[in-house]
Amino acid sequence: MINVEVIKTRAKLLRMPLSELAEKIGYSEAGLHQAFKHEKINFRAVNNISKVLGLAVEEFVTDLEMLEVIAPINKNLEGRNIMRESIDQSILIEAHL
């Protein structure tokens, strides 16, 4: 389950229409409204909402089971991004040598 109001409020603060949010997370606008209506959304969309709106998953996901699944996935993704960034930086350093 998700807290739709948190998502809507954050999008409104960012002046991001729900149609734009839907596009950025890989949903159609109608699909996003359906997800909001049923307060259910897939894992990939949860991760994308977190990134696009700058929210921690814990701020809008209310289902404890979903949080238990998402937390390790997010840590793994963060680790990969850190590795990618350090590889990119080392390539830049070598290019300047």
C-alpha atoms as a PDB file:
ATOM      1  CA  MET A   1       0.000   0.000   0.000  1.00  0.00           C
ATOM      2  CA  ILE A   2       1.091   3.551  -0.665  1.00  0.00           C
ATOM      3  CA  ASN A   3       0.186   6.903   0.798  1.00  0.00           C
ATOM      4  CA  VAL A   4      -1.139   8.643  -2.292  1.00  0.00           C
ATOM      5  CA  GLU A   5      -1.510  12.010  -0.554  1.00  0.00           C
ATOM      6  CA  VAL A   6       2.224  12.171   0.201  1.00  0.00           C
ATOM      7  CA  ILE A   7       3.013  11.566  -3.471  1.00  0.00           C
ATOM      8  CA  LYS A   8       0.436  14.083  -4.712  1.00  0.00           C
ATOM      9  CA  THR A   9       1.541  16.713  -2.215  1.00  0.00           C
ATOM     10  CA  ARG A  10       5.208  16.340  -3.172  1.00  0.00           C
ATOM     11  CA  ALA A  11       4.400  16.488  -6.894  1.00  0.00           C
ATOM     12  CA  LYS A  12       2.331  19.612  -6.278  1.00  0.00           C
ATOM     13  CA  LEU A  13       5.203  21.239  -4.340  1.00  0.00           C
ATOM     14  CA  LEU A  14       7.492  20.505  -7.282  1.00  0.00           C
ATOM     15  CA  ARG A  15       4.832  21.859  -9.661  1.00  0.00           C
ATOM     16  CA  MET A  16       4.857  18.527 -11.447  1.00  0.00           C
ATOM     17  CA  PRO A  17       1.546  17.493 -12.991  1.00  0.00           C
ATOM     18  CA  LEU A  18       0.558  13.897 -12.370  1.00  0.00           C
ATOM     19  CA  SER A  19       0.716  13.307 -16.118  1.00  0.00           C
ATOM     20  CA  GLU A  20       4.427  14.201 -16.033  1.00  0.00           C
ATOM     21  CA  LEU A  21       5.031  12.044 -12.972  1.00  0.00           C
ATOM     22  CA  ALA A  22       3.282   9.145 -14.689  1.00  0.00           C
ATOM     23  CA  GLU A  23       5.497   9.514 -17.751  1.00  0.00           C
ATOM     24  CA  LYS A  24       8.672   9.693 -15.670  1.00  0.00           C
ATOM     25  CA  ILE A  25       7.859   6.506 -13.747  1.00  0.00           C
ATOM     26  CA  GLY A  26       6.777   4.517 -16.780  1.00  0.00           C
ATOM     27  CA  TYR A  27       2.999   4.647 -16.304  1.00  0.00           C
ATOM     28  CA  SER A  28       0.263   6.122 -18.428  1.00  0.00           C
ATOM     29  CA  GLU A  29      -1.689   8.864 -16.702  1.00  0.00           C
ATOM     30  CA  ALA A  30      -4.730   6.564 -16.507  1.00  0.00           C
ATOM     31  CA  GLY A  31      -2.549   3.780 -15.102  1.00  0.00           C
ATOM     32  CA  LEU A  32      -1.203   6.076 -12.403  1.00  0.00           C
ATOM     33  CA  HIS A  33      -4.703   7.154 -11.428  1.00  0.00           C
ATOM     34  CA  GLN A  34      -5.741   3.475 -11.217  1.00  0.00           C
ATOM     35  CA  ALA A  35      -2.713   2.708  -9.049  1.00  0.00           C
ATOM     36  CA  PHE A  36      -3.612   5.639  -6.790  1.00  0.00           C
ATOM     37  CA  LYS A  37      -7.244   4.550  -6.624  1.00  0.00           C
ATOM     38  CA  HIS A  38      -6.259   1.073  -5.445  1.00  0.00           C
ATOM     39  CA  GLU A  39      -3.220   2.354  -3.494  1.00  0.00           C
ATOM     40  CA  LYS A  40      -1.042  -0.257  -5.168  1.00  0.00           C
ATOM     41  CA  ILE A  41       1.988   0.235  -7.355  1.00  0.00           C
ATOM     42  CA  ASN A  42       4.804  -2.003  -8.613  1.00  0.00           C
ATOM     43  CA  PHE A  43       8.318  -2.057  -7.166  1.00  0.00           C
ATOM     44  CA  ARG A  44       9.950  -0.363 -10.131  1.00  0.00           C
ATOM     45  CA  ALA A  45       7.460   2.515  -9.982  1.00  0.00           C
ATOM     46  CA  VAL A  46       8.048   2.886  -6.226  1.00  0.00           C
ATOM     47  CA  ASN A  47      11.775   3.235  -6.854  1.00  0.00           C
ATOM     48  CA  ASN A  48      11.163   5.699  -9.698  1.00  0.00           C
ATOM     49  CA  ILE A  49       8.762   7.796  -7.614  1.00  0.00           C
ATOM     50  CA  SER A  50      11.401   7.965  -4.912  1.00  0.00           C
ATOM     51  CA  LYS A  51      13.993   9.238  -7.391  1.00  0.00           C
ATOM     52  CA  VAL A  52      11.741  11.615  -9.336  1.00  0.00           C
ATOM     53  CA  LEU A  53      10.140  13.239  -6.289  1.00  0.00           C
ATOM     54  CA  GLY A  54      13.166  13.051  -4.001  1.00  0.00           C
ATOM     55  CA  LEU A  55      11.264  11.085  -1.369  1.00  0.00           C
ATOM     56  CA  ALA A  56      12.500   8.220   0.736  1.00  0.00           C
ATOM     57  CA  VAL A  57      10.466   5.107   0.015  1.00  0.00           C
ATOM     58  CA  GLU A  58       9.517   4.966   3.684  1.00  0.00           C
ATOM     59  CA  GLU A  59       7.764   8.325   3.319  1.00  0.00           C
ATOM     60  CA  PHE A  60       5.044   6.994   1.007  1.00  0.00           C
ATOM     61  CA  VAL A  61       5.049   3.190   1.219  1.00  0.00           C
ATOM     62  CA  THR A  62       2.890   1.978   4.105  1.00  0.00           C
ATOM     63  CA  ASP A  63       3.065  -1.776   3.459  1.00  0.00           C
ATOM     64  CA  LEU A  64       5.713  -3.244   5.795  1.00  0.00           C
ATOM     65  CA  GLU A  65       6.186  -6.322   3.626  1.00  0.00           C
ATOM     66  CA  MET A  66       6.875  -4.147   0.583  1.00  0.00           C
ATOM     67  CA  LEU A  67       9.359  -2.063   2.583  1.00  0.00           C
ATOM     68  CA  GLU A  68      11.199  -5.217   3.672  1.00  0.00           C
ATOM     69  CA  VAL A  69      11.581  -6.222   0.031  1.00  0.00           C
ATOM     70  CA  ILE A  70      12.474  -2.775  -1.287  1.00  0.00           C
ATOM     71  CA  ALA A  71      15.095  -1.834   1.329  1.00  0.00           C
ATOM     72  CA  PRO A  72      17.708  -4.431   0.268  1.00  0.00           C
ATOM     73  CA  ILE A  73      17.058  -3.708  -3.407  1.00  0.00           C
ATOM     74  CA  ASN A  74      17.611   0.022  -2.878  1.00  0.00           C
ATOM     75  CA  LYS A  75      20.829  -0.629  -0.948  1.00  0.00           C
ATOM     76  CA  ASN A  76      22.061  -2.821  -3.774  1.00  0.00           C
ATOM     77  CA  LEU A  77      21.189  -0.173  -6.356  1.00  0.00           C
ATOM     78  CA  GLU A  78      22.884   2.548  -4.298  1.00  0.00           C
ATOM     79  CA  GLY A  79      26.009   0.393  -4.074  1.00  0.00           C
ATOM     80  CA  ARG A  80      26.041  -0.069  -7.835  1.00  0.00           C
ATOM     81  CA  ASN A  81      25.648   3.669  -8.395  1.00  0.00           C
ATOM     82  CA  ILE A  82      28.536   4.401  -6.030  1.00  0.00           C
ATOM     83  CA  MET A  83      30.692   1.838  -7.851  1.00  0.00           C
ATOM     84  CA  ARG A  84      29.708   3.330 -11.217  1.00  0.00           C
ATOM     85  CA  GLU A  85      30.551   6.839  -9.997  1.00  0.00           C
ATOM     86  CA  SER A  86      33.956   5.775  -8.664  1.00  0.00           C
ATOM     87  CA  ILE A  87      34.748   3.965 -11.924  1.00  0.00           C
ATOM     88  CA  ASP A  88      33.724   7.042 -13.910  1.00  0.00           C
ATOM     89  CA  GLN A  89      35.891   9.256 -11.700  1.00  0.00           C
ATOM     90  CA  SER A  90      38.920   6.961 -12.066  1.00  0.00           C
ATOM     91  CA  ILE A  91      38.491   6.996 -15.851  1.00  0.00           C
ATOM     92  CA  LEU A  92      38.411  10.797 -15.801  1.00  0.00           C
ATOM     93  CA  ILE A  93      41.536  10.934 -13.625  1.00  0.00           C
ATOM     94  CA  GLU A  94      43.396   8.543 -15.937  1.00  0.00           C
ATOM     95  CA  ALA A  95      42.336  10.596 -18.951  1.00  0.00           C
ATOM     96  CA  HIS A  96      43.935  13.698 -17.437  1.00  0.00           C
ATOM     97  CA  LEU A  97      47.236  11.986 -16.616  1.00  0.00           C
END
